[in-house]
Amino acid sequence: MKFLLDENISNSLYQFLKNQNFNVKKIGIDEPSGISDKQVIQISLNEDRILITRDCGDFGEFIYKNNIQIKGIICIKGNIAGYQEVSAFSFIQKNVCSFVNKFIIVDKKITGFVLKIRDI
């Protein structure tokens, strides 16, 4: 599985995914920082990568409004601290069969992580 991490995702999740032998790229490391959301989507489309971001609204609105068939999006909500991203991703892995053609939002509540999953 291939992932593209937006620049607002922590380097710890980037390293975790690399250590898990995923094919992973990160904006600001493997791609230039400061590129537009449209450019991020284009990289994800061109390289058939699942996008991991914190910008749920921006990317969600863009793909649904423009009917873009991106491989998948995982959105980590802002109330999840950078050091908790690895745990949040592990939670998603344990609870979601496939990331393909899904818009997955992980949020943190008092009781733990919760997921919202929508088809793309």
PDB file of N, CA and C in Angstrom:
ATOM      1  N   MET A   1       0.828  -1.161   0.000  1.00  0.00           N
ATOM      2  CA  MET A   1       0.000   0.000   0.000  1.00  0.00           C
ATOM      3  C   MET A   1       0.886   1.244   0.000  1.00  0.00           C
ATOM      4  N   LYS A   2       0.455   2.258  -0.739  1.00  0.00           N
ATOM      5  CA  LYS A   2       1.242   3.484  -0.869  1.00  0.00           C
ATOM      6  C   LYS A   2       0.481   4.649  -0.231  1.00  0.00           C
ATOM      7  N   PHE A   3       1.233   5.467   0.505  1.00  0.00           N
ATOM      8  CA  PHE A   3       0.646   6.604   1.195  1.00  0.00           C
ATOM      9  C   PHE A   3       1.367   7.885   0.818  1.00  0.00           C
ATOM     10  N   LEU A   4       0.610   8.989   0.853  1.00  0.00           N
ATOM     11  CA  LEU A   4       1.157  10.329   0.724  1.00  0.00           C
ATOM     12  C   LEU A   4       0.718  11.092   1.967  1.00  0.00           C
ATOM     13  N   LEU A   5       1.667  11.558   2.759  1.00  0.00           N
ATOM     14  CA  LEU A   5       1.365  12.312   3.964  1.00  0.00           C
ATOM     15  C   LEU A   5       1.449  13.799   3.665  1.00  0.00           C
ATOM     16  N   ASP A   6       0.399  14.499   4.029  1.00  0.00           N
ATOM     17  CA  ASP A   6       0.386  15.953   3.902  1.00  0.00           C
ATOM     18  C   ASP A   6       1.431  16.512   4.866  1.00  0.00           C
ATOM     19  N   GLU A   7       1.841  17.755   4.649  1.00  0.00           N
ATOM     20  CA  GLU A   7       2.895  18.307   5.499  1.00  0.00           C
ATOM     21  C   GLU A   7       2.422  18.573   6.921  1.00  0.00           C
ATOM     22  N   ASN A   8       1.116  18.512   7.178  1.00  0.00           N
ATOM     23  CA  ASN A   8       0.616  18.710   8.534  1.00  0.00           C
ATOM     24  C   ASN A   8       0.588  17.417   9.358  1.00  0.00           C
ATOM     25  N   ILE A   9       1.106  16.351   8.808  1.00  0.00           N
ATOM     26  CA  ILE A   9       1.206  15.059   9.508  1.00  0.00           C
ATOM     27  C   ILE A   9       2.618  14.935  10.093  1.00  0.00           C
ATOM     28  N   SER A  10       2.703  14.367  11.273  1.00  0.00           N
ATOM     29  CA  SER A  10       3.979  14.306  11.995  1.00  0.00           C
ATOM     30  C   SER A  10       4.999  13.397  11.312  1.00  0.00           C
ATOM     31  N   ASN A  11       6.254  13.712  11.561  1.00  0.00           N
ATOM     32  CA  ASN A  11       7.337  12.860  11.064  1.00  0.00           C
ATOM     33  C   ASN A  11       7.334  11.504  11.765  1.00  0.00           C
ATOM     34  N   SER A  12       6.745  11.425  12.982  1.00  0.00           N
ATOM     35  CA  SER A  12       6.710  10.128  13.655  1.00  0.00           C
ATOM     36  C   SER A  12       5.825   9.135  12.915  1.00  0.00           C
ATOM     37  N   LEU A  13       4.688   9.603  12.364  1.00  0.00           N
ATOM     38  CA  LEU A  13       3.852   8.694  11.575  1.00  0.00           C
ATOM     39  C   LEU A  13       4.576   8.320  10.286  1.00  0.00           C
ATOM     40  N   TYR A  14       5.254   9.266   9.691  1.00  0.00           N
ATOM     41  CA  TYR A  14       6.051   9.009   8.483  1.00  0.00           C
ATOM     42  C   TYR A  14       7.080   7.899   8.751  1.00  0.00           C
ATOM     43  N   GLN A  15       7.822   8.018   9.838  1.00  0.00           N
ATOM     44  CA  GLN A  15       8.840   7.008  10.173  1.00  0.00           C
ATOM     45  C   GLN A  15       8.194   5.666  10.520  1.00  0.00           C
ATOM     46  N   PHE A  16       7.078   5.699  11.233  1.00  0.00           N
ATOM     47  CA  PHE A  16       6.359   4.474  11.585  1.00  0.00           C
ATOM     48  C   PHE A  16       5.959   3.714  10.322  1.00  0.00           C
ATOM     49  N   LEU A  17       5.381   4.413   9.354  1.00  0.00           N
ATOM     50  CA  LEU A  17       4.950   3.761   8.115  1.00  0.00           C
ATOM     51  C   LEU A  17       6.137   3.220   7.336  1.00  0.00           C
ATOM     52  N   LYS A  18       7.232   3.967   7.300  1.00  0.00           N
ATOM     53  CA  LYS A  18       8.451   3.476   6.637  1.00  0.00           C
ATOM     54  C   LYS A  18       8.955   2.204   7.322  1.00  0.00           C
ATOM     55  N   ASN A  19       8.946   2.215   8.653  1.00  0.00           N
ATOM     56  CA  ASN A  19       9.409   1.044   9.412  1.00  0.00           C
ATOM     57  C   ASN A  19       8.497  -0.165   9.219  1.00  0.00           C
ATOM     58  N   GLN A  20       7.234   0.082   8.860  1.00  0.00           N
ATOM     59  CA  GLN A  20       6.284  -0.997   8.575  1.00  0.00           C
ATOM     60  C   GLN A  20       6.379  -1.452   7.115  1.00  0.00           C
ATOM     61  N   ASN A  21       7.378  -0.917   6.403  1.00  0.00           N
ATOM     62  CA  ASN A  21       7.639  -1.251   5.000  1.00  0.00           C
ATOM     63  C   ASN A  21       6.550  -0.806   4.030  1.00  0.00           C
ATOM     64  N   PHE A  22       5.816   0.250   4.399  1.00  0.00           N
ATOM     65  CA  PHE A  22       4.891   0.853   3.454  1.00  0.00           C
ATOM     66  C   PHE A  22       5.675   1.774   2.529  1.00  0.00           C
ATOM     67  N   ASN A  23       5.175   1.935   1.329  1.00  0.00           N
ATOM     68  CA  ASN A  23       5.733   2.891   0.384  1.00  0.00           C
ATOM     69  C   ASN A  23       5.109   4.234   0.748  1.00  0.00           C
ATOM     70  N   VAL A  24       5.894   5.133   1.327  1.00  0.00           N
ATOM     71  CA  VAL A  24       5.348   6.377   1.859  1.00  0.00           C
ATOM     72  C   VAL A  24       6.174   7.574   1.411  1.00  0.00           C
ATOM     73  N   LYS A  25       5.450   8.655   1.086  1.00  0.00           N
ATOM     74  CA  LYS A  25       6.063   9.935   0.759  1.00  0.00           C
ATOM     75  C   LYS A  25       5.407  10.992   1.637  1.00  0.00           C
ATOM     76  N   LYS A  26       6.163  12.050   1.904  1.00  0.00           N
ATOM     77  CA  LYS A  26       5.628  13.138   2.736  1.00  0.00           C
ATOM     78  C   LYS A  26       5.904  14.477   2.080  1.00  0.00           C
ATOM     79  N   ILE A  27       4.863  15.308   2.044  1.00  0.00           N
ATOM     80  CA  ILE A  27       5.041  16.679   1.584  1.00  0.00           C
ATOM     81  C   ILE A  27       5.971  17.373   2.584  1.00  0.00           C
ATOM     82  N   GLY A  28       6.963  18.059   2.067  1.00  0.00           N
ATOM     83  CA  GLY A  28       7.943  18.726   2.925  1.00  0.00           C
ATOM     84  C   GLY A  28       9.205  17.913   3.123  1.00  0.00           C
ATOM     85  N   ILE A  29       9.167  16.633   2.753  1.00  0.00           N
ATOM     86  CA  ILE A  29      10.368  15.776   2.803  1.00  0.00           C
ATOM     87  C   ILE A  29      10.657  15.234   1.414  1.00  0.00           C
ATOM     88  N   ASP A  30       9.702  14.480   0.865  1.00  0.00           N
ATOM     89  CA  ASP A  30       9.894  13.860  -0.449  1.00  0.00           C
ATOM     90  C   ASP A  30       9.325  14.710  -1.586  1.00  0.00           C
ATOM     91  N   GLU A  31       8.473  15.629  -1.241  1.00  0.00           N
ATOM     92  CA  GLU A  31       7.868  16.568  -2.190  1.00  0.00           C
ATOM     93  C   GLU A  31       8.015  17.966  -1.586  1.00  0.00           C
ATOM     94  N   PRO A  32       8.001  19.011  -2.406  1.00  0.00           N
ATOM     95  CA  PRO A  32       8.198  20.368  -1.878  1.00  0.00           C
ATOM     96  C   PRO A  32       7.123  20.772  -0.864  1.00  0.00           C
ATOM     97  N   SER A  33       7.521  21.500   0.167  1.00  0.00           N
ATOM     98  CA  SER A  33       6.540  22.016   1.120  1.00  0.00           C
ATOM     99  C   SER A  33       5.847  23.229   0.515  1.00  0.00           C
ATOM    100  N   GLY A  34       4.681  23.532   1.044  1.00  0.00           N
ATOM    101  CA  GLY A  34       3.958  24.713   0.607  1.00  0.00           C
ATOM    102  C   GLY A  34       3.192  24.564  -0.695  1.00  0.00           C
ATOM    103  N   ILE A  35       3.112  23.350  -1.228  1.00  0.00           N
ATOM    104  CA  ILE A  35       2.361  23.182  -2.478  1.00  0.00           C
ATOM    105  C   ILE A  35       0.861  23.235  -2.180  1.00  0.00           C
ATOM    106  N   SER A  36       0.078  23.516  -3.191  1.00  0.00           N
ATOM    107  CA  SER A  36      -1.371  23.667  -3.024  1.00  0.00           C
ATOM    108  C   SER A  36      -2.048  22.316  -2.796  1.00  0.00           C
ATOM    109  N   ASP A  37      -3.269  22.377  -2.249  1.00  0.00           N
ATOM    110  CA  ASP A  37      -4.061  21.152  -2.062  1.00  0.00           C
ATOM    111  C   ASP A  37      -4.282  20.446  -3.391  1.00  0.00           C
ATOM    112  N   LYS A  38      -4.496  21.226  -4.447  1.00  0.00           N
ATOM    113  CA  LYS A  38      -4.698  20.643  -5.777  1.00  0.00           C
ATOM    114  C   LYS A  38      -3.460  19.852  -6.212  1.00  0.00           C
ATOM    115  N   GLN A  39      -2.276  20.384  -5.929  1.00  0.00           N
ATOM    116  CA  GLN A  39      -1.035  19.677  -6.273  1.00  0.00           C
ATOM    117  C   GLN A  39      -0.873  18.404  -5.435  1.00  0.00           C
ATOM    118  N   VAL A  40      -1.278  18.473  -4.165  1.00  0.00           N
ATOM    119  CA  VAL A  40      -1.216  17.291  -3.288  1.00  0.00           C
ATOM    120  C   VAL A  40      -2.122  16.204  -3.856  1.00  0.00           C
ATOM    121  N   ILE A  41      -3.340  16.578  -4.219  1.00  0.00           N
ATOM    122  CA  ILE A  41      -4.283  15.620  -4.825  1.00  0.00           C
ATOM    123  C   ILE A  41      -3.695  15.041  -6.106  1.00  0.00           C
ATOM    124  N   GLN A  42      -3.073  15.878  -6.923  1.00  0.00           N
ATOM    125  CA  GLN A  42      -2.510  15.418  -8.195  1.00  0.00           C
ATOM    126  C   GLN A  42      -1.414  14.380  -7.975  1.00  0.00           C
ATOM    127  N   ILE A  43      -0.551  14.603  -6.987  1.00  0.00           N
ATOM    128  CA  ILE A  43       0.500  13.627  -6.667  1.00  0.00           C
ATOM    129  C   ILE A  43      -0.144  12.318  -6.235  1.00  0.00           C
ATOM    130  N   SER A  44      -1.144  12.421  -5.376  1.00  0.00           N
ATOM    131  CA  SER A  44      -1.837  11.227  -4.897  1.00  0.00           C
ATOM    132  C   SER A  44      -2.464  10.456  -6.058  1.00  0.00           C
ATOM    133  N   LEU A  45      -3.092  11.175  -6.987  1.00  0.00           N
ATOM    134  CA  LEU A  45      -3.708  10.538  -8.153  1.00  0.00           C
ATOM    135  C   LEU A  45      -2.666   9.912  -9.073  1.00  0.00           C
ATOM    136  N   ASN A  46      -1.625  10.681  -9.395  1.00  0.00           N
ATOM    137  CA  ASN A  46      -0.594  10.212 -10.331  1.00  0.00           C
ATOM    138  C   ASN A  46       0.138   8.979  -9.819  1.00  0.00           C
ATOM    139  N   GLU A  47       0.322   8.912  -8.502  1.00  0.00           N
ATOM    140  CA  GLU A  47       1.107   7.823  -7.922  1.00  0.00           C
ATOM    141  C   GLU A  47       0.246   6.776  -7.224  1.00  0.00           C
ATOM    142  N   ASP A  48      -1.079   6.912  -7.347  1.00  0.00           N
ATOM    143  CA  ASP A  48      -2.015   5.943  -6.783  1.00  0.00           C
ATOM    144  C   ASP A  48      -1.772   5.746  -5.283  1.00  0.00           C
ATOM    145  N   ARG A  49      -1.707   6.874  -4.549  1.00  0.00           N
ATOM    146  CA  ARG A  49      -1.420   6.859  -3.115  1.00  0.00           C
ATOM    147  C   ARG A  49      -2.649   7.263  -2.306  1.00  0.00           C
ATOM    148  N   ILE A  50      -2.779   6.694  -1.134  1.00  0.00           N
ATOM    149  CA  ILE A  50      -3.795   7.105  -0.174  1.00  0.00           C
ATOM    150  C   ILE A  50      -3.243   8.311   0.571  1.00  0.00           C
ATOM    151  N   LEU A  51      -4.027   9.368   0.619  1.00  0.00           N
ATOM    152  CA  LEU A  51      -3.606  10.609   1.259  1.00  0.00           C
ATOM    153  C   LEU A  51      -3.940  10.570   2.743  1.00  0.00           C
ATOM    154  N   ILE A  52      -2.965  10.947   3.566  1.00  0.00           N
ATOM    155  CA  ILE A  52      -3.196  11.113   5.004  1.00  0.00           C
ATOM    156  C   ILE A  52      -2.997  12.591   5.318  1.00  0.00           C
ATOM    157  N   THR A  53      -4.020  13.207   5.913  1.00  0.00           N
ATOM    158  CA  THR A  53      -4.008  14.647   6.141  1.00  0.00           C
ATOM    159  C   THR A  53      -4.765  14.992   7.417  1.00  0.00           C
ATOM    160  N   ARG A  54      -4.697  16.256   7.798  1.00  0.00           N
ATOM    161  CA  ARG A  54      -5.529  16.798   8.873  1.00  0.00           C
ATOM    162  C   ARG A  54      -6.585  17.751   8.300  1.00  0.00           C
ATOM    163  N   ASP A  55      -6.485  18.054   7.024  1.00  0.00           N
ATOM    164  CA  ASP A  55      -7.399  18.995   6.370  1.00  0.00           C
ATOM    165  C   ASP A  55      -8.631  18.278   5.826  1.00  0.00           C
ATOM    166  N   CYS A  56      -9.460  17.787   6.727  1.00  0.00           N
ATOM    167  CA  CYS A  56     -10.650  17.021   6.330  1.00  0.00           C
ATOM    168  C   CYS A  56     -11.565  17.819   5.423  1.00  0.00           C
ATOM    169  N   GLY A  57     -11.906  19.007   5.853  1.00  0.00           N
ATOM    170  CA  GLY A  57     -12.864  19.816   5.106  1.00  0.00           C
ATOM    171  C   GLY A  57     -12.364  20.212   3.741  1.00  0.00           C
ATOM    172  N   ASP A  58     -11.139  20.728   3.678  1.00  0.00           N
ATOM    173  CA  ASP A  58     -10.599  21.198   2.401  1.00  0.00           C
ATOM    174  C   ASP A  58     -10.536  20.078   1.373  1.00  0.00           C
ATOM    175  N   PHE A  59      -9.936  18.953   1.755  1.00  0.00           N
ATOM    176  CA  PHE A  59      -9.788  17.855   0.792  1.00  0.00           C
ATOM    177  C   PHE A  59     -11.123  17.174   0.519  1.00  0.00           C
ATOM    178  N   GLY A  60     -11.946  17.000   1.547  1.00  0.00           N
ATOM    179  CA  GLY A  60     -13.246  16.381   1.353  1.00  0.00           C
ATOM    180  C   GLY A  60     -14.100  17.174   0.386  1.00  0.00           C
ATOM    181  N   GLU A  61     -14.170  18.468   0.613  1.00  0.00           N
ATOM    182  CA  GLU A  61     -14.959  19.333  -0.273  1.00  0.00           C
ATOM    183  C   GLU A  61     -14.420  19.282  -1.700  1.00  0.00           C
ATOM    184  N   PHE A  62     -13.105  19.336  -1.840  1.00  0.00           N
ATOM    185  CA  PHE A  62     -12.494  19.352  -3.168  1.00  0.00           C
ATOM    186  C   PHE A  62     -12.789  18.078  -3.948  1.00  0.00           C
ATOM    187  N   ILE A  63     -12.610  16.919  -3.322  1.00  0.00           N
ATOM    188  CA  ILE A  63     -12.808  15.674  -4.082  1.00  0.00           C
ATOM    189  C   ILE A  63     -14.281  15.404  -4.381  1.00  0.00           C
ATOM    190  N   TYR A  64     -15.165  15.710  -3.422  1.00  0.00           N
ATOM    191  CA  TYR A  64     -16.587  15.456  -3.667  1.00  0.00           C
ATOM    192  C   TYR A  64     -17.176  16.468  -4.649  1.00  0.00           C
ATOM    193  N   LYS A  65     -16.784  17.727  -4.514  1.00  0.00           N
ATOM    194  CA  LYS A  65     -17.292  18.783  -5.402  1.00  0.00           C
ATOM    195  C   LYS A  65     -16.852  18.552  -6.838  1.00  0.00           C
ATOM    196  N   ASN A  66     -15.621  18.059  -7.028  1.00  0.00           N
ATOM    197  CA  ASN A  66     -15.059  17.860  -8.359  1.00  0.00           C
ATOM    198  C   ASN A  66     -15.132  16.411  -8.830  1.00  0.00           C
ATOM    199  N   ASN A  67     -15.789  15.559  -8.028  1.00  0.00           N
ATOM    200  CA  ASN A  67     -15.951  14.144  -8.370  1.00  0.00           C
ATOM    201  C   ASN A  67     -14.618  13.481  -8.726  1.00  0.00           C
ATOM    202  N   ILE A  68     -13.639  13.685  -7.877  1.00  0.00           N
ATOM    203  CA  ILE A  68     -12.305  13.123  -8.095  1.00  0.00           C
ATOM    204  C   ILE A  68     -12.228  11.744  -7.449  1.00  0.00           C
ATOM    205  N   GLN A  69     -11.779  10.771  -8.206  1.00  0.00           N
ATOM    206  CA  GLN A  69     -11.694   9.392  -7.734  1.00  0.00           C
ATOM    207  C   GLN A  69     -10.297   9.087  -7.181  1.00  0.00           C
ATOM    208  N   ILE A  70      -9.977   9.722  -6.079  1.00  0.00           N
ATOM    209  CA  ILE A  70      -8.699   9.493  -5.406  1.00  0.00           C
ATOM    210  C   ILE A  70      -8.720   8.091  -4.789  1.00  0.00           C
ATOM    211  N   LYS A  71      -7.560   7.499  -4.613  1.00  0.00           N
ATOM    212  CA  LYS A  71      -7.464   6.127  -4.079  1.00  0.00           C
ATOM    213  C   LYS A  71      -8.101   6.019  -2.695  1.00  0.00           C
ATOM    214  N   GLY A  72      -7.912   7.037  -1.859  1.00  0.00           N
ATOM    215  CA  GLY A  72      -8.479   7.058  -0.515  1.00  0.00           C
ATOM    216  C   GLY A  72      -7.900   8.214   0.276  1.00  0.00           C
ATOM    217  N   ILE A  73      -8.611   8.603   1.322  1.00  0.00           N
ATOM    218  CA  ILE A  73      -8.132   9.658   2.219  1.00  0.00           C
ATOM    219  C   ILE A  73      -8.333   9.203   3.658  1.00  0.00           C
ATOM    220  N   ILE A  74      -7.299   9.397   4.447  1.00  0.00           N
ATOM    221  CA  ILE A  74      -7.392   9.207   5.890  1.00  0.00           C
ATOM    222  C   ILE A  74      -7.192  10.583   6.506  1.00  0.00           C
ATOM    223  N   CYS A  75      -8.176  11.013   7.269  1.00  0.00           N
ATOM    224  CA  CYS A  75      -8.094  12.323   7.903  1.00  0.00           C
ATOM    225  C   CYS A  75      -7.970  12.149   9.409  1.00  0.00           C
ATOM    226  N   ILE A  76      -6.920  12.721   9.965  1.00  0.00           N
ATOM    227  CA  ILE A  76      -6.683  12.691  11.405  1.00  0.00           C
ATOM    228  C   ILE A  76      -7.126  14.038  11.962  1.00  0.00           C
ATOM    229  N   LYS A  77      -8.158  14.021  12.789  1.00  0.00           N
ATOM    230  CA  LYS A  77      -8.722  15.265  13.325  1.00  0.00           C
ATOM    231  C   LYS A  77      -7.716  15.998  14.203  1.00  0.00           C
ATOM    232  N   GLY A  78      -7.922  17.305  14.302  1.00  0.00           N
ATOM    233  CA  GLY A  78      -7.003  18.196  15.004  1.00  0.00           C
ATOM    234  C   GLY A  78      -6.859  17.952  16.488  1.00  0.00           C
ATOM    235  N   ASN A  79      -7.839  17.291  17.119  1.00  0.00           N
ATOM    236  CA  ASN A  79      -7.721  17.040  18.551  1.00  0.00           C
ATOM    237  C   ASN A  79      -6.814  15.846  18.880  1.00  0.00           C
ATOM    238  N   ILE A  80      -6.271  15.226  17.853  1.00  0.00           N
ATOM    239  CA  ILE A  80      -5.307  14.133  18.040  1.00  0.00           C
ATOM    240  C   ILE A  80      -3.916  14.740  17.907  1.00  0.00           C
ATOM    241  N   ALA A  81      -3.168  14.717  18.989  1.00  0.00           N
ATOM    242  CA  ALA A  81      -1.830  15.318  18.987  1.00  0.00           C
ATOM    243  C   ALA A  81      -0.902  14.537  18.061  1.00  0.00           C
ATOM    244  N   GLY A  82       0.146  15.213  17.587  1.00  0.00           N
ATOM    245  CA  GLY A  82       1.109  14.587  16.682  1.00  0.00           C
ATOM    246  C   GLY A  82       1.668  13.284  17.215  1.00  0.00           C
ATOM    247  N   TYR A  83       1.949  13.232  18.510  1.00  0.00           N
ATOM    248  CA  TYR A  83       2.512  12.009  19.095  1.00  0.00           C
ATOM    249  C   TYR A  83       1.484  10.880  19.169  1.00  0.00           C
ATOM    250  N   GLN A  84       0.189  11.189  18.941  1.00  0.00           N
ATOM    251  CA  GLN A  84      -0.863  10.172  18.976  1.00  0.00           C
ATOM    252  C   GLN A  84      -1.232   9.647  17.592  1.00  0.00           C
ATOM    253  N   GLU A  85      -0.618  10.205  16.555  1.00  0.00           N
ATOM    254  CA  GLU A  85      -0.972   9.808  15.186  1.00  0.00           C
ATOM    255  C   GLU A  85      -0.676   8.343  14.906  1.00  0.00           C
ATOM    256  N   VAL A  86       0.415   7.835  15.444  1.00  0.00           N
ATOM    257  CA  VAL A  86       0.752   6.417  15.232  1.00  0.00           C
ATOM    258  C   VAL A  86      -0.324   5.529  15.851  1.00  0.00           C
ATOM    259  N   SER A  87      -0.751   5.857  17.061  1.00  0.00           N
ATOM    260  CA  SER A  87      -1.815   5.087  17.715  1.00  0.00           C
ATOM    261  C   SER A  87      -3.116   5.182  16.933  1.00  0.00           C
ATOM    262  N   ALA A  88      -3.416   6.379  16.423  1.00  0.00           N
ATOM    263  CA  ALA A  88      -4.635   6.564  15.633  1.00  0.00           C
ATOM    264  C   ALA A  88      -4.576   5.724  14.358  1.00  0.00           C
ATOM    265  N   PHE A  89      -3.429   5.717  13.687  1.00  0.00           N
ATOM    266  CA  PHE A  89      -3.287   4.921  12.466  1.00  0.00           C
ATOM    267  C   PHE A  89      -3.418   3.430  12.787  1.00  0.00           C
ATOM    268  N   SER A  90      -2.798   2.989  13.864  1.00  0.00           N
ATOM    269  CA  SER A  90      -2.897   1.580  14.267  1.00  0.00           C
ATOM    270  C   SER A  90      -4.346   1.198  14.553  1.00  0.00           C
ATOM    271  N   PHE A  91      -5.094   2.102  15.165  1.00  0.00           N
ATOM    272  CA  PHE A  91      -6.515   1.872  15.428  1.00  0.00           C
ATOM    273  C   PHE A  91      -7.277   1.690  14.107  1.00  0.00           C
ATOM    274  N   ILE A  92      -6.972   2.535  13.143  1.00  0.00           N
ATOM    275  CA  ILE A  92      -7.626   2.417  11.833  1.00  0.00           C
ATOM    276  C   ILE A  92      -7.287   1.072  11.205  1.00  0.00           C
ATOM    277  N   GLN A  93      -6.005   0.699  11.229  1.00  0.00           N
ATOM    278  CA  GLN A  93      -5.576  -0.585  10.645  1.00  0.00           C
ATOM    279  C   GLN A  93      -6.346  -1.760  11.236  1.00  0.00           C
ATOM    280  N   LYS A  94      -6.579  -1.722  12.545  1.00  0.00           N
ATOM    281  CA  LYS A  94      -7.255  -2.832  13.226  1.00  0.00           C
ATOM    282  C   LYS A  94      -8.751  -2.872  12.939  1.00  0.00           C
ATOM    283  N   ASN A  95      -9.324  -1.734  12.541  1.00  0.00           N
ATOM    284  CA  ASN A  95     -10.774  -1.638  12.437  1.00  0.00           C
ATOM    285  C   ASN A  95     -11.327  -1.415  11.036  1.00  0.00           C
ATOM    286  N   VAL A  96     -10.457  -1.251  10.055  1.00  0.00           N
ATOM    287  CA  VAL A  96     -10.912  -1.011   8.687  1.00  0.00           C
ATOM    288  C   VAL A  96     -10.285  -2.064   7.773  1.00  0.00           C
ATOM    289  N   CYS A  97     -11.128  -2.757   7.021  1.00  0.00           N
ATOM    290  CA  CYS A  97     -10.638  -3.819   6.133  1.00  0.00           C
ATOM    291  C   CYS A  97      -9.844  -3.269   4.958  1.00  0.00           C
ATOM    292  N   SER A  98     -10.324  -2.155   4.390  1.00  0.00           N
ATOM    293  CA  SER A  98      -9.680  -1.590   3.213  1.00  0.00           C
ATOM    294  C   SER A  98      -9.750  -0.071   3.266  1.00  0.00           C
ATOM    295  N   PHE A  99      -8.659   0.568   2.878  1.00  0.00           N
ATOM    296  CA  PHE A  99      -8.616   2.030   2.808  1.00  0.00           C
ATOM    297  C   PHE A  99      -9.011   2.526   1.418  1.00  0.00           C
ATOM    298  N   VAL A 100      -9.092   1.623   0.470  1.00  0.00           N
ATOM    299  CA  VAL A 100      -9.323   1.987  -0.928  1.00  0.00           C
ATOM    300  C   VAL A 100     -10.754   2.474  -1.126  1.00  0.00           C
ATOM    301  N   ASN A 101     -10.873   3.608  -1.845  1.00  0.00           N
ATOM    302  CA  ASN A 101     -12.157   4.240  -2.143  1.00  0.00           C
ATOM    303  C   ASN A 101     -12.925   4.644  -0.890  1.00  0.00           C
ATOM    304  N   LYS A 102     -12.188   4.985   0.161  1.00  0.00           N
ATOM    305  CA  LYS A 102     -12.804   5.396   1.421  1.00  0.00           C
ATOM    306  C   LYS A 102     -12.277   6.761   1.853  1.00  0.00           C
ATOM    307  N   PHE A 103     -13.142   7.528   2.482  1.00  0.00           N
ATOM    308  CA  PHE A 103     -12.766   8.748   3.182  1.00  0.00           C
ATOM    309  C   PHE A 103     -12.939   8.397   4.657  1.00  0.00           C
ATOM    310  N   ILE A 104     -11.824   8.203   5.342  1.00  0.00           N
ATOM    311  CA  ILE A 104     -11.826   7.747   6.727  1.00  0.00           C
ATOM    312  C   ILE A 104     -11.420   8.911   7.624  1.00  0.00           C
ATOM    313  N   ILE A 105     -12.259   9.211   8.587  1.00  0.00           N
ATOM    314  CA  ILE A 105     -11.939  10.259   9.559  1.00  0.00           C
ATOM    315  C   ILE A 105     -11.769   9.593  10.917  1.00  0.00           C
ATOM    316  N   VAL A 106     -10.629   9.842  11.541  1.00  0.00           N
ATOM    317  CA  VAL A 106     -10.400   9.347  12.898  1.00  0.00           C
ATOM    318  C   VAL A 106     -10.423  10.545  13.832  1.00  0.00           C
ATOM    319  N   ASP A 107     -11.202  10.403  14.900  1.00  0.00           N
ATOM    320  CA  ASP A 107     -11.389  11.455  15.885  1.00  0.00           C
ATOM    321  C   ASP A 107     -11.086  10.857  17.257  1.00  0.00           C
ATOM    322  N   LYS A 108     -10.878  11.716  18.227  1.00  0.00           N
ATOM    323  CA  LYS A 108     -10.598  11.241  19.585  1.00  0.00           C
ATOM    324  C   LYS A 108     -11.686  11.752  20.512  1.00  0.00           C
ATOM    325  N   LYS A 109     -12.291  10.829  21.224  1.00  0.00           N
ATOM    326  CA  LYS A 109     -13.309  11.156  22.230  1.00  0.00           C
ATOM    327  C   LYS A 109     -12.768  10.714  23.589  1.00  0.00           C
ATOM    328  N   ILE A 110     -13.496  11.000  24.626  1.00  0.00           N
ATOM    329  CA  ILE A 110     -13.063  10.612  25.976  1.00  0.00           C
ATOM    330  C   ILE A 110     -12.843   9.106  26.065  1.00  0.00           C
ATOM    331  N   THR A 111     -13.671   8.344  25.370  1.00  0.00           N
ATOM    332  CA  THR A 111     -13.599   6.882  25.424  1.00  0.00           C
ATOM    333  C   THR A 111     -12.528   6.286  24.510  1.00  0.00           C
ATOM    334  N   GLY A 112     -11.907   7.096  23.670  1.00  0.00           N
ATOM    335  CA  GLY A 112     -10.875   6.599  22.750  1.00  0.00           C
ATOM    336  C   GLY A 112     -11.117   7.097  21.335  1.00  0.00           C
ATOM    337  N   PHE A 113     -10.493   6.444  20.386  1.00  0.00           N
ATOM    338  CA  PHE A 113     -10.626   6.831  18.989  1.00  0.00           C
ATOM    339  C   PHE A 113     -11.962   6.347  18.428  1.00  0.00           C
ATOM    340  N   VAL A 114     -12.526   7.149  17.514  1.00  0.00           N
ATOM    341  CA  VAL A 114     -13.753   6.767  16.802  1.00  0.00           C
ATOM    342  C   VAL A 114     -13.537   7.037  15.320  1.00  0.00           C
ATOM    343  N   LEU A 115     -14.206   6.268  14.487  1.00  0.00           N
ATOM    344  CA  LEU A 115     -14.067   6.379  13.045  1.00  0.00           C
ATOM    345  C   LEU A 115     -15.378   6.768  12.378  1.00  0.00           C
ATOM    346  N   LYS A 116     -15.254   7.551  11.328  1.00  0.00           N
ATOM    347  CA  LYS A 116     -16.339   7.813  10.387  1.00  0.00           C
ATOM    348  C   LYS A 116     -15.803   7.413   9.034  1.00  0.00           C
ATOM    349  N   ILE A 117     -16.557   6.595   8.318  1.00  0.00           N
ATOM    350  CA  ILE A 117     -16.082   6.083   7.027  1.00  0.00           C
ATOM    351  C   ILE A 117     -17.162   6.368   5.982  1.00  0.00           C
ATOM    352  N   ARG A 118     -16.696   6.946   4.882  1.00  0.00           N
ATOM    353  CA  ARG A 118     -17.600   7.272   3.766  1.00  0.00           C
ATOM    354  C   ARG A 118     -16.972   6.800   2.470  1.00  0.00           C
ATOM    355  N   ASP A 119     -17.763   6.298   1.570  1.00  0.00           N
ATOM    356  CA  ASP A 119     -17.247   5.901   0.256  1.00  0.00           C
ATOM    357  C   ASP A 119     -16.901   7.130  -0.560  1.00  0.00           C
ATOM    358  N   ILE A 120     -15.871   6.983  -1.367  1.00  0.00           N
ATOM    359  CA  ILE A 120     -15.486   8.060  -2.300  1.00  0.00           C
ATOM    360  C   ILE A 120     -16.077   7.725  -3.647  1.00  0.00           C
TER     361      ILE A 120
END
